[in-house]
């Protein structure tokens, strides 16, 4: 088989968006409005965008994805691959953690071993033989993979592989998630739950220091309130601008709007471990009972696009462009429900977080499902409570999105659908499918592009055939900012590095 290890390092080319490279000036505080609070500030304790927004400012990994979509050194000075399963990283010397400790190979070994064993992120790193991770000397780390996996460098760019200080973790114990210590350009100061996270410039940073002194993330769940704060100057940057607010920013000469597609899919999920969703006929009936295309167009008002397949078309090997949104067919839905033993329908719930678009989606689906006898209640929870619900299998149906954790599509399909990832790993639908597991495992380790493409095609077709979930929306990232804020870079992963940002005129 032909080996093409460089494919996935190219997937981000042209996707990153850089705005306002010229100008800029110093400012004491950069304030960012976010739609939800972080769950944890320990890289291995969670795998959600709200937490990643914060952690990306505090921590760094061995490598990072650059603007050309390639993995390049970050805390590593260099890296090499002596053979197809071995990686060796030479660390930068003199790098300081925020607690004053110098970065050593022992910290890297400690961090990687934690990640390999952590339920939330182990799907990214479980090809690494945990016993092979070792420090050759104070500034050299080596590990071996159990099998060659071409996406491992991209996986190491994920927040789950951020390097922590062993001493800080051990001293803080269970409190570490609220007392993070990294090496990046800003250091943690204070976290007020459901309100804000405060950081400040790290003067001993090994790279270029931030022009601003303080960085504050303000939690503002309501989209219109984030825009109001932006318009009034209360915040410098606002994430997750809703479709109905786009014109307010575009028409305001003091503001700027940034947009870019991500690597994710918003979907309606089922708890397949529960009746009646363990019956594929019930899931298929629901897919016929709702008009996803019309609901998406009404809710998102042209922002992004209706999803047609399980995997975003921005990812390699996606076959989503070969599908059309399923046409609504009430009679077909009723027929399937009768075949499944539910001629009169049933009672159930749709759970989601405090995301207005997802709530609106659930509300529209509730109304349409009532026409086939399915009585739906909507359960809206704060972000961390919602995560606990779906990770513990306490839900019926649910609204959420998944964004690939690296440029490799393995980090979309494997966590969302492999049986080993049920619950905390990302398989919130609790799917157990031996055939699918086999396809995903074989695709993960194949070194041939054509073979991987075929395996991922089979996997996607199978998931659509069994209505594993109902794809809804491919998101377009939206960020609003003051006009004088420069160097904002959008990433298709949905979390952004703010160290280069400047504000004000020189």
Protein backbone atom coordinates (compact mmCIF):
# COMPACT_ATOMS: atom_id res chain seq x y z
CA UNK A 1 0.00 0.00 0.00
CA UNK A 2 1.10 3.54 -0.72
CA UNK A 3 1.90 5.67 2.32
CA UNK A 4 0.73 9.26 2.23
CA UNK A 5 1.33 10.53 5.72
CA UNK A 6 1.16 14.20 4.69
CA UNK A 7 -2.47 14.28 3.59
CA UNK A 8 -4.08 15.44 6.79
CA UNK A 9 -1.54 18.12 7.55
CA UNK A 10 -2.84 19.87 4.40
CA UNK A 11 -6.53 19.85 5.23
CA UNK A 12 -6.53 23.26 6.88
CA UNK A 13 -4.93 25.07 3.93
CA UNK A 14 -6.95 28.11 3.04
CA UNK A 15 -9.42 27.58 5.86
CA UNK A 16 -7.96 29.88 8.49
CA UNK A 17 -9.10 33.47 8.17
CA UNK A 18 -6.78 36.31 9.16
CA UNK A 19 -8.24 39.77 9.51
CA UNK A 20 -6.66 43.19 9.95
CA UNK A 21 -2.95 42.33 9.80
CA UNK A 22 -1.93 45.95 9.81
CA UNK A 23 -2.41 48.55 12.46
CA UNK A 24 -3.32 47.79 16.02
CA UNK A 25 -2.02 49.10 19.28
CA UNK A 26 -1.74 48.38 22.95
CA UNK A 27 -4.71 48.12 25.25
CA UNK A 28 -4.88 47.28 28.92
CA UNK A 29 -7.73 44.76 28.67
CA UNK A 30 -9.13 42.58 25.91
CA UNK A 31 -12.68 41.48 26.77
CA UNK A 32 -14.38 38.62 24.93
CA UNK A 33 -18.05 37.63 25.18
CA UNK A 34 -18.63 33.87 24.97
CA UNK A 35 -21.90 31.96 24.85
CA UNK A 36 -21.16 29.51 27.64
CA UNK A 37 -18.92 28.83 30.60
CA UNK A 38 -15.98 26.44 30.62
CA UNK A 39 -16.56 23.02 32.16
CA UNK A 40 -12.96 22.48 33.30
CA UNK A 41 -9.56 24.08 32.76
CA UNK A 42 -7.73 20.75 32.96
CA UNK A 43 -6.96 19.70 29.35
CA UNK A 44 -7.79 16.05 29.92
CA UNK A 45 -10.99 16.59 31.92
CA UNK A 46 -13.24 17.79 29.10
CA UNK A 47 -13.51 18.09 25.32
CA UNK A 48 -15.80 21.04 24.65
CA UNK A 49 -15.33 24.31 22.83
CA UNK A 50 -16.18 26.59 25.75
CA UNK A 51 -13.38 25.08 27.82
CA UNK A 52 -11.03 25.03 24.81
CA UNK A 53 -11.60 28.76 24.25
CA UNK A 54 -9.99 29.41 27.62
CA UNK A 55 -7.41 26.63 27.74
CA UNK A 56 -5.98 27.61 24.34
CA UNK A 57 -4.89 30.91 25.88
CA UNK A 58 -3.25 29.30 28.93
CA UNK A 59 -1.57 26.15 27.58
CA UNK A 60 0.55 25.01 24.66
CA UNK A 61 1.24 21.62 23.10
CA UNK A 62 4.35 20.03 21.68
CA UNK A 63 3.12 21.02 18.24
CA UNK A 64 0.49 23.32 16.76
CA UNK A 65 -1.37 23.69 13.46
CA UNK A 66 -0.05 26.62 11.43
CA UNK A 67 -1.88 28.75 8.87
CA UNK A 68 -0.95 26.33 6.08
CA UNK A 69 -2.55 23.43 7.93
CA UNK A 70 0.71 21.73 8.88
CA UNK A 71 1.87 20.60 12.30
CA UNK A 72 4.84 22.69 13.38
CA UNK A 73 6.88 22.87 16.61
CA UNK A 74 5.44 24.75 19.56
CA UNK A 75 6.94 23.67 22.90
CA UNK A 76 9.02 21.27 20.86
CA UNK A 77 12.01 22.83 19.17
CA UNK A 78 11.94 20.05 16.59
CA UNK A 79 10.57 16.55 16.05
CA UNK A 80 11.44 13.55 13.93
CA UNK A 81 10.00 10.17 13.00
CA UNK A 82 12.82 7.58 12.92
CA UNK A 83 10.40 4.87 11.79
CA UNK A 84 6.69 4.58 11.04
CA UNK A 85 5.67 4.18 14.70
CA UNK A 86 8.31 6.19 16.62
CA UNK A 87 8.31 9.94 17.31
CA UNK A 88 11.06 11.93 19.04
CA UNK A 89 10.56 15.52 20.27
CA UNK A 90 13.35 17.91 21.26
CA UNK A 91 12.00 20.51 23.71
CA UNK A 92 12.81 24.20 23.79
CA UNK A 93 15.05 24.99 26.72
CA UNK A 94 14.31 27.70 29.25
CA UNK A 95 10.51 27.59 28.81
CA UNK A 96 8.79 28.60 32.05
CA UNK A 97 5.45 27.46 33.42
CA UNK A 98 3.26 30.10 35.01
CA UNK A 99 4.34 28.86 38.47
CA UNK A 100 8.01 29.51 37.63
CA UNK A 101 8.95 25.85 37.03
CA UNK A 102 11.01 25.10 33.91
CA UNK A 103 9.44 22.84 31.30
CA UNK A 104 11.13 19.44 31.37
CA UNK A 105 10.63 16.17 29.49
CA UNK A 106 9.15 14.70 32.67
CA UNK A 107 6.25 17.17 32.40
CA UNK A 108 5.60 16.07 28.82
CA UNK A 109 5.67 12.38 29.75
CA UNK A 110 3.30 13.09 32.63
CA UNK A 111 0.93 15.07 30.38
CA UNK A 112 0.82 12.54 27.55
CA UNK A 113 0.23 9.60 29.88
CA UNK A 114 -2.68 11.46 31.48
CA UNK A 115 -4.17 12.16 28.03
CA UNK A 116 -3.81 8.56 26.82
CA UNK A 117 -5.86 7.35 29.79
CA UNK A 118 -8.43 10.17 29.98
CA UNK A 119 -11.98 9.15 28.90
CA UNK A 120 -12.72 12.53 27.26
CA UNK A 121 -9.73 12.58 24.91
CA UNK A 122 -8.21 9.10 24.84
CA UNK A 123 -9.70 8.46 21.39
CA UNK A 124 -7.15 10.94 20.06
CA UNK A 125 -4.12 9.32 21.65
CA UNK A 126 -4.90 5.65 22.26
CA UNK A 127 -2.68 4.61 19.34
CA UNK A 128 0.27 5.64 21.55
CA UNK A 129 1.76 2.81 23.61
CA UNK A 130 1.60 4.33 27.08
CA UNK A 131 4.56 2.26 28.29
CA UNK A 132 6.72 3.62 25.48
CA UNK A 133 6.35 7.29 26.49
CA UNK A 134 9.67 8.22 28.09
CA UNK A 135 12.15 11.00 28.71
CA UNK A 136 15.46 10.35 26.96
CA UNK A 137 16.93 13.31 28.83
CA UNK A 138 15.57 16.54 30.34
CA UNK A 139 14.70 17.94 26.91
CA UNK A 140 13.95 14.88 24.77
CA UNK A 141 10.75 12.81 24.71
CA UNK A 142 10.03 9.66 22.74
CA UNK A 143 6.95 7.51 22.20
CA UNK A 144 5.88 4.67 19.93
CA UNK A 145 2.50 3.88 18.43
CA UNK A 146 0.94 0.43 18.59
CA UNK A 147 0.24 0.81 14.86
CA UNK A 148 1.11 3.56 12.38
CA UNK A 149 -1.52 6.31 12.50
CA UNK A 150 -0.88 9.21 10.16
CA UNK A 151 -3.11 11.60 12.13
CA UNK A 152 -1.15 11.49 15.38
CA UNK A 153 0.69 14.79 14.86
CA UNK A 154 -2.58 16.56 14.13
CA UNK A 155 -4.08 14.93 17.23
CA UNK A 156 -1.21 16.31 19.33
CA UNK A 157 -2.34 19.81 18.36
CA UNK A 158 -5.63 19.25 20.22
CA UNK A 159 -6.13 20.81 23.68
CA UNK A 160 -6.16 17.32 25.18
CA UNK A 161 -2.42 17.14 24.47
CA UNK A 162 -1.60 20.49 26.07
CA UNK A 163 1.36 20.21 28.43
CA UNK A 164 0.76 20.67 32.14
CA UNK A 165 3.24 21.07 34.99
CA UNK A 166 3.49 17.82 36.94
CA UNK A 167 4.23 19.59 40.23
CA UNK A 168 1.25 21.95 39.86
CA UNK A 169 -1.17 19.12 39.08
CA UNK A 170 0.00 17.00 41.99
CA UNK A 171 -0.06 19.87 44.47
CA UNK A 172 -3.54 21.04 43.45
CA UNK A 173 -5.05 17.56 43.32
CA UNK A 174 -8.80 17.69 42.69
CA UNK A 175 -8.66 21.50 42.57
CA UNK A 176 -6.37 21.62 39.53
CA UNK A 177 -9.26 22.07 37.08
CA UNK A 178 -9.83 25.50 38.68
CA UNK A 179 -6.13 26.36 39.09
CA UNK A 180 -4.53 25.74 35.68
CA UNK A 181 -0.81 26.22 35.08
CA UNK A 182 0.47 26.38 31.53
CA UNK A 183 3.25 27.95 29.47
CA UNK A 184 1.32 30.21 27.10
CA UNK A 185 1.28 33.98 26.71
CA UNK A 186 -1.34 34.59 29.42
CA UNK A 187 -1.73 33.01 32.85
CA UNK A 188 -4.83 32.22 34.83
CA UNK A 189 -6.02 34.66 37.49
CA UNK A 190 -9.62 33.98 38.47
CA UNK A 191 -12.66 31.96 37.42
CA UNK A 192 -16.11 33.07 38.55
CA UNK A 193 -18.45 30.28 37.50
CA UNK A 194 -21.16 31.24 34.98
CA UNK A 195 -19.74 34.77 34.89
CA UNK A 196 -16.14 35.19 33.74
CA UNK A 197 -12.59 33.90 33.47
CA UNK A 198 -9.76 36.38 34.03
CA UNK A 199 -6.18 36.02 32.75
CA UNK A 200 -3.16 38.29 32.55
CA UNK A 201 0.00 38.65 30.49
CA UNK A 202 2.78 36.19 31.38
CA UNK A 203 5.93 38.31 31.43
CA UNK A 204 8.24 35.28 31.33
CA UNK A 205 6.63 33.88 28.18
CA UNK A 206 9.14 32.28 25.83
CA UNK A 207 7.54 33.78 22.72
CA UNK A 208 6.10 37.13 21.67
CA UNK A 209 4.21 38.72 24.54
CA UNK A 210 0.64 40.00 24.28
CA UNK A 211 0.14 43.71 23.74
CA UNK A 212 -2.81 43.70 26.13
CA UNK A 213 -2.20 43.19 29.85
CA UNK A 214 -5.48 41.50 30.81
CA UNK A 215 -7.72 39.02 29.01
CA UNK A 216 -11.27 38.50 30.23
CA UNK A 217 -13.84 36.02 28.95
CA UNK A 218 -17.37 37.08 29.93
CA UNK A 219 -20.11 34.44 29.86
CA UNK A 220 -23.17 35.92 28.11
CA UNK A 221 -25.49 33.08 27.00
CA UNK A 222 -28.12 35.24 25.27
CA UNK A 223 -26.95 36.09 21.70
CA UNK A 224 -28.68 39.48 21.55
CA UNK A 225 -27.04 40.51 24.81
CA UNK A 226 -23.59 39.69 23.41
CA UNK A 227 -24.32 41.99 20.48
CA UNK A 228 -25.62 44.74 22.76
CA UNK A 229 -22.39 44.55 24.76
CA UNK A 230 -20.41 44.75 21.52
CA UNK A 231 -22.39 47.75 20.29
CA UNK A 232 -21.98 49.57 23.59
CA UNK A 233 -18.25 48.85 23.78
CA UNK A 234 -18.63 46.61 26.81
CA UNK A 235 -16.70 43.87 25.01
CA UNK A 236 -14.07 43.96 22.29
CA UNK A 237 -14.97 40.61 20.68
CA UNK A 238 -18.18 38.55 20.73
CA UNK A 239 -18.34 34.89 19.70
CA UNK A 240 -21.29 33.01 18.18
CA UNK A 241 -23.22 35.83 16.58
CA UNK A 242 -26.71 34.59 15.68
CA UNK A 243 -28.18 34.96 12.20
CA UNK A 244 -30.73 37.56 13.26
CA UNK A 245 -27.96 39.81 14.60
CA UNK A 246 -25.58 39.70 11.63
CA UNK A 247 -26.95 42.84 9.97
CA UNK A 248 -26.60 44.83 13.19
CA UNK A 249 -22.86 44.24 13.06
CA UNK A 250 -22.47 44.55 9.29
CA UNK A 251 -24.32 47.88 9.28
CA UNK A 252 -22.37 49.32 12.20
CA UNK A 253 -19.30 51.21 10.97
CA UNK A 254 -17.64 50.76 14.37
CA UNK A 255 -17.79 46.96 14.15
CA UNK A 256 -16.51 44.12 11.96
CA UNK A 257 -17.92 40.66 11.25
CA UNK A 258 -15.85 37.52 10.58
CA UNK A 259 -17.29 34.29 9.15
CA UNK A 260 -15.83 30.90 8.27
CA UNK A 261 -17.11 27.30 8.00
CA UNK A 262 -15.99 24.85 10.68
CA UNK A 263 -15.42 21.07 10.74
CA UNK A 264 -18.63 20.27 12.54
CA UNK A 265 -22.19 19.02 12.24
CA UNK A 266 -25.14 19.94 14.43
CA UNK A 267 -27.40 16.94 14.83
CA UNK A 268 -30.46 15.47 16.52
CA UNK A 269 -29.18 12.50 18.47
CA UNK A 270 -30.95 9.49 19.96
CA UNK A 271 -30.05 7.44 23.00
CA UNK A 272 -29.91 4.14 21.12
CA UNK A 273 -29.41 2.25 24.39
CA UNK A 274 -33.00 3.20 25.33
CA UNK A 275 -36.36 2.15 23.98
CA UNK A 276 -37.83 3.09 21.60
CA UNK A 277 -34.67 4.52 19.98
CA UNK A 278 -32.97 1.12 19.88
CA UNK A 279 -35.31 0.38 16.95
CA UNK A 280 -33.95 1.86 13.69
CA UNK A 281 -37.53 2.09 12.35
CA UNK A 282 -38.37 4.58 15.09
CA UNK A 283 -35.32 6.68 14.28
CA UNK A 284 -36.16 6.56 10.57
CA UNK A 285 -39.76 7.51 11.32
CA UNK A 286 -38.59 10.60 13.18
CA UNK A 287 -36.37 11.54 10.24
CA UNK A 288 -39.42 11.42 7.95
CA UNK A 289 -41.67 13.25 10.40
CA UNK A 290 -39.55 16.41 10.48
CA UNK A 291 -38.59 18.78 7.69
CA UNK A 292 -34.99 19.51 8.60
CA UNK A 293 -34.29 21.71 5.59
CA UNK A 294 -37.15 24.12 6.29
CA UNK A 295 -36.41 24.22 10.01
CA UNK A 296 -32.72 24.96 9.43
CA UNK A 297 -33.53 27.73 6.96
CA UNK A 298 -36.02 29.28 9.39
CA UNK A 299 -33.69 29.10 12.39
CA UNK A 300 -30.33 29.96 10.82
CA UNK A 301 -31.62 32.32 8.12
CA UNK A 302 -29.00 31.48 5.52
CA UNK A 303 -26.07 31.20 7.91
CA UNK A 304 -24.22 27.96 7.23
CA UNK A 305 -26.07 25.21 5.35
CA UNK A 306 -28.42 22.30 5.87
CA UNK A 307 -26.41 19.18 6.70
CA UNK A 308 -27.06 16.22 4.43
CA UNK A 309 -24.64 13.61 5.79
CA UNK A 310 -23.15 12.70 9.15
CA UNK A 311 -19.78 14.34 8.44
CA UNK A 312 -19.20 17.93 7.39
CA UNK A 313 -18.31 18.35 3.68
CA UNK A 314 -15.26 20.37 4.78
CA UNK A 315 -13.58 17.15 5.99
CA UNK A 316 -11.69 14.73 3.77
CA UNK A 317 -13.57 11.60 2.66
CA UNK A 318 -16.94 13.20 3.41
CA UNK A 319 -19.72 12.03 1.07
CA UNK A 320 -22.29 14.51 2.42
CA UNK A 321 -22.44 16.35 -0.91
CA UNK A 322 -23.86 13.17 -2.47
CA UNK A 323 -26.98 13.36 -0.28
CA UNK A 324 -30.01 15.66 -0.27
CA UNK A 325 -32.00 16.62 2.82
CA UNK A 326 -34.68 13.97 3.43
CA UNK A 327 -38.10 15.13 2.25
CA UNK A 328 -40.80 15.14 4.88
CA UNK A 329 -43.27 12.26 4.53
CA UNK A 330 -45.88 12.07 7.30
CA UNK A 331 -47.50 8.89 6.00
CA UNK A 332 -44.15 7.12 5.75
CA UNK A 333 -43.36 8.17 9.32
CA UNK A 334 -46.69 6.81 10.61
CA UNK A 335 -46.19 3.56 8.70
CA UNK A 336 -42.74 3.04 10.23
CA UNK A 337 -44.02 3.80 13.74
CA UNK A 338 -46.79 1.24 13.32
CA UNK A 339 -44.30 -1.37 12.11
CA UNK A 340 -42.18 -0.64 15.19
CA UNK A 341 -45.16 -1.15 17.50
CA UNK A 342 -45.96 2.52 18.20
CA UNK A 343 -49.07 3.23 16.09
CA UNK A 344 -50.16 5.97 18.50
CA UNK A 345 -46.70 7.40 19.00
CA UNK A 346 -45.05 7.87 22.40
CA UNK A 347 -43.83 10.45 24.91
CA UNK A 348 -40.19 11.52 24.93
CA UNK A 349 -37.90 14.53 25.39
CA UNK A 350 -35.28 16.57 23.54
CA UNK A 351 -32.48 17.88 25.77
CA UNK A 352 -30.14 20.71 24.84
CA UNK A 353 -28.08 23.51 26.35
CA UNK A 354 -28.87 27.21 26.55
CA UNK A 355 -28.19 27.77 22.86
CA UNK A 356 -31.03 29.72 21.25
CA UNK A 357 -30.59 28.12 17.83
CA UNK A 358 -30.74 24.61 19.27
CA UNK A 359 -33.74 25.49 21.42
CA UNK A 360 -35.47 26.89 18.33
CA UNK A 361 -34.64 23.72 16.40
CA UNK A 362 -36.07 21.55 19.18
CA UNK A 363 -39.20 23.69 19.41
CA UNK A 364 -39.90 23.37 15.68
CA UNK A 365 -39.30 19.62 15.75
CA UNK A 366 -41.59 19.21 18.76
CA UNK A 367 -44.42 20.75 16.77
CA UNK A 368 -43.81 18.59 13.69
CA UNK A 369 -43.40 15.36 15.68
CA UNK A 370 -46.75 15.93 17.37
CA UNK A 371 -48.39 15.33 13.97
CA UNK A 372 -47.33 11.66 14.11
CA UNK A 373 -48.26 11.20 17.77
CA UNK A 374 -44.81 11.78 19.31
CA UNK A 375 -45.27 14.02 22.33
CA UNK A 376 -42.01 15.85 23.03
CA UNK A 377 -40.97 17.89 26.05
CA UNK A 378 -37.93 20.17 25.75
CA UNK A 379 -35.30 20.01 28.47
CA UNK A 380 -32.98 23.05 28.47
CA UNK A 381 -29.92 22.82 30.71
CA UNK A 382 -26.84 24.89 31.51
CA UNK A 383 -23.87 23.68 29.43
CA UNK A 384 -22.05 21.63 32.05
CA UNK A 385 -25.28 20.06 33.34
CA UNK A 386 -26.25 19.14 29.78
CA UNK A 387 -22.85 17.52 29.24
CA UNK A 388 -23.27 15.49 32.42
CA UNK A 389 -26.68 14.32 31.23
CA UNK A 390 -25.54 12.99 27.86
CA UNK A 391 -22.24 11.59 29.13
CA UNK A 392 -24.14 9.52 31.66
CA UNK A 393 -26.83 8.30 29.25
CA UNK A 394 -29.74 9.95 31.07
CA UNK A 395 -31.22 11.53 27.94
CA UNK A 396 -33.76 10.53 25.27
CA UNK A 397 -33.16 12.71 22.21
CA UNK A 398 -30.73 15.64 22.25
CA UNK A 399 -29.46 18.61 20.25
CA UNK A 400 -25.70 19.17 20.01
CA UNK A 401 -22.86 19.66 17.54
CA UNK A 402 -19.58 17.80 17.10
CA UNK A 403 -16.53 19.40 15.54
CA UNK A 404 -13.57 17.28 14.42
CA UNK A 405 -10.72 17.47 16.92
CA UNK A 406 -8.02 17.49 14.25
CA UNK A 407 -7.85 17.69 10.46
CA UNK A 408 -8.12 13.89 10.33
CA UNK A 409 -11.76 12.68 9.96
CA UNK A 410 -10.94 9.87 12.38
CA UNK A 411 -11.43 12.46 15.12
CA UNK A 412 -15.01 12.98 13.97
CA UNK A 413 -16.25 9.49 13.19
CA UNK A 414 -14.35 7.46 15.80
CA UNK A 415 -15.42 9.38 18.93
CA UNK A 416 -18.98 9.92 17.74
CA UNK A 417 -19.73 6.35 16.68
CA UNK A 418 -17.18 3.78 17.90
CA UNK A 419 -18.53 1.66 20.76
CA UNK A 420 -15.40 2.28 22.88
CA UNK A 421 -16.28 6.00 22.99
CA UNK A 422 -19.75 5.63 24.50
CA UNK A 423 -20.54 8.39 26.96
CA UNK A 424 -17.57 10.55 27.87
CA UNK A 425 -15.67 9.67 24.70
CA UNK A 426 -18.20 11.44 22.45
CA UNK A 427 -20.50 8.59 21.42
CA UNK A 428 -23.50 10.23 23.07
CA UNK A 429 -25.92 8.11 21.03
CA UNK A 430 -24.54 4.99 22.76
CA UNK A 431 -24.22 3.14 19.47
CA UNK A 432 -22.77 -0.39 19.52
CA UNK A 433 -22.24 -1.72 16.00
CA UNK A 434 -19.58 -4.36 15.37
CA UNK A 435 -19.48 -3.78 11.62
CA UNK A 436 -19.03 -0.04 12.04
CA UNK A 437 -16.35 -0.54 14.71
CA UNK A 438 -14.42 -2.71 12.25
CA UNK A 439 -14.63 -0.13 9.47
CA UNK A 440 -13.46 2.71 11.73
CA UNK A 441 -10.58 0.67 13.16
CA UNK A 442 -9.37 -0.39 9.73
CA UNK A 443 -9.64 3.17 8.37
CA UNK A 444 -7.75 4.58 11.35
CA UNK A 445 -4.65 2.51 10.65
CA UNK A 446 -4.71 2.27 6.87
CA UNK A 447 -1.82 4.08 5.20
CA UNK A 448 -3.44 4.18 1.74
CA UNK A 449 -5.63 7.13 0.77
CA UNK A 450 -7.89 5.20 -1.59
CA UNK A 451 -8.49 2.47 0.95
CA UNK A 452 -9.30 4.99 3.68
CA UNK A 453 -11.70 6.80 1.36
CA UNK A 454 -13.55 3.54 0.64
CA UNK A 455 -13.71 2.54 4.30
CA UNK A 456 -15.02 5.93 5.37
CA UNK A 457 -17.57 5.86 2.54
CA UNK A 458 -18.88 2.52 3.79
CA UNK A 459 -19.03 3.85 7.35
CA UNK A 460 -20.96 6.99 6.37
CA UNK A 461 -23.40 5.05 4.17
CA UNK A 462 -24.05 2.59 7.00
CA UNK A 463 -24.68 5.37 9.51
CA UNK A 464 -27.18 7.00 7.17
CA UNK A 465 -28.86 3.66 6.47
CA UNK A 466 -29.48 3.00 10.18
CA UNK A 467 -30.34 6.67 10.93
CA UNK A 468 -27.72 6.76 13.66
CA UNK A 469 -28.52 10.44 14.07
CA UNK A 470 -30.25 13.12 12.00
CA UNK A 471 -27.79 15.63 10.50
CA UNK A 472 -29.13 19.16 10.75
CA UNK A 473 -26.69 21.98 10.14
CA UNK A 474 -23.11 22.67 9.04
CA UNK A 475 -22.12 25.69 11.02
CA UNK A 476 -20.60 28.92 9.80
CA UNK A 477 -18.50 30.44 12.56
CA UNK A 478 -19.40 34.05 13.32
CA UNK A 479 -17.40 36.50 15.39
CA UNK A 480 -18.09 40.20 15.87
CA UNK A 481 -15.44 42.68 16.98
CA UNK A 482 -14.68 46.33 17.39
CA UNK A 483 -13.22 47.84 14.24
CA UNK A 484 -9.91 48.61 15.93
CA UNK A 485 -9.35 45.00 17.02
CA UNK A 486 -6.76 43.43 14.72
CA UNK A 487 -5.25 40.02 14.02
CA UNK A 488 -8.29 37.89 14.85
CA UNK A 489 -7.83 34.45 13.37
CA UNK A 490 -10.75 32.04 13.00
CA UNK A 491 -10.08 28.32 13.18
CA UNK A 492 -12.36 25.57 11.80
CA UNK A 493 -12.08 23.86 15.20
CA UNK A 494 -14.20 26.62 16.72
CA UNK A 495 -11.71 27.91 19.32
CA UNK A 496 -9.28 30.74 18.67
CA UNK A 497 -5.80 31.76 19.81
CA UNK A 498 -5.98 35.38 20.98
CA UNK A 499 -2.33 36.08 21.84
CA UNK A 500 -1.68 37.93 18.53
CA UNK A 501 -4.74 40.18 18.88
CA UNK A 502 -4.22 43.91 19.29
CA UNK A 503 -6.63 46.78 19.83
CA UNK A 504 -6.57 50.51 19.28
CA UNK A 505 -4.72 52.71 16.82
CA UNK A 506 -1.00 53.41 17.02
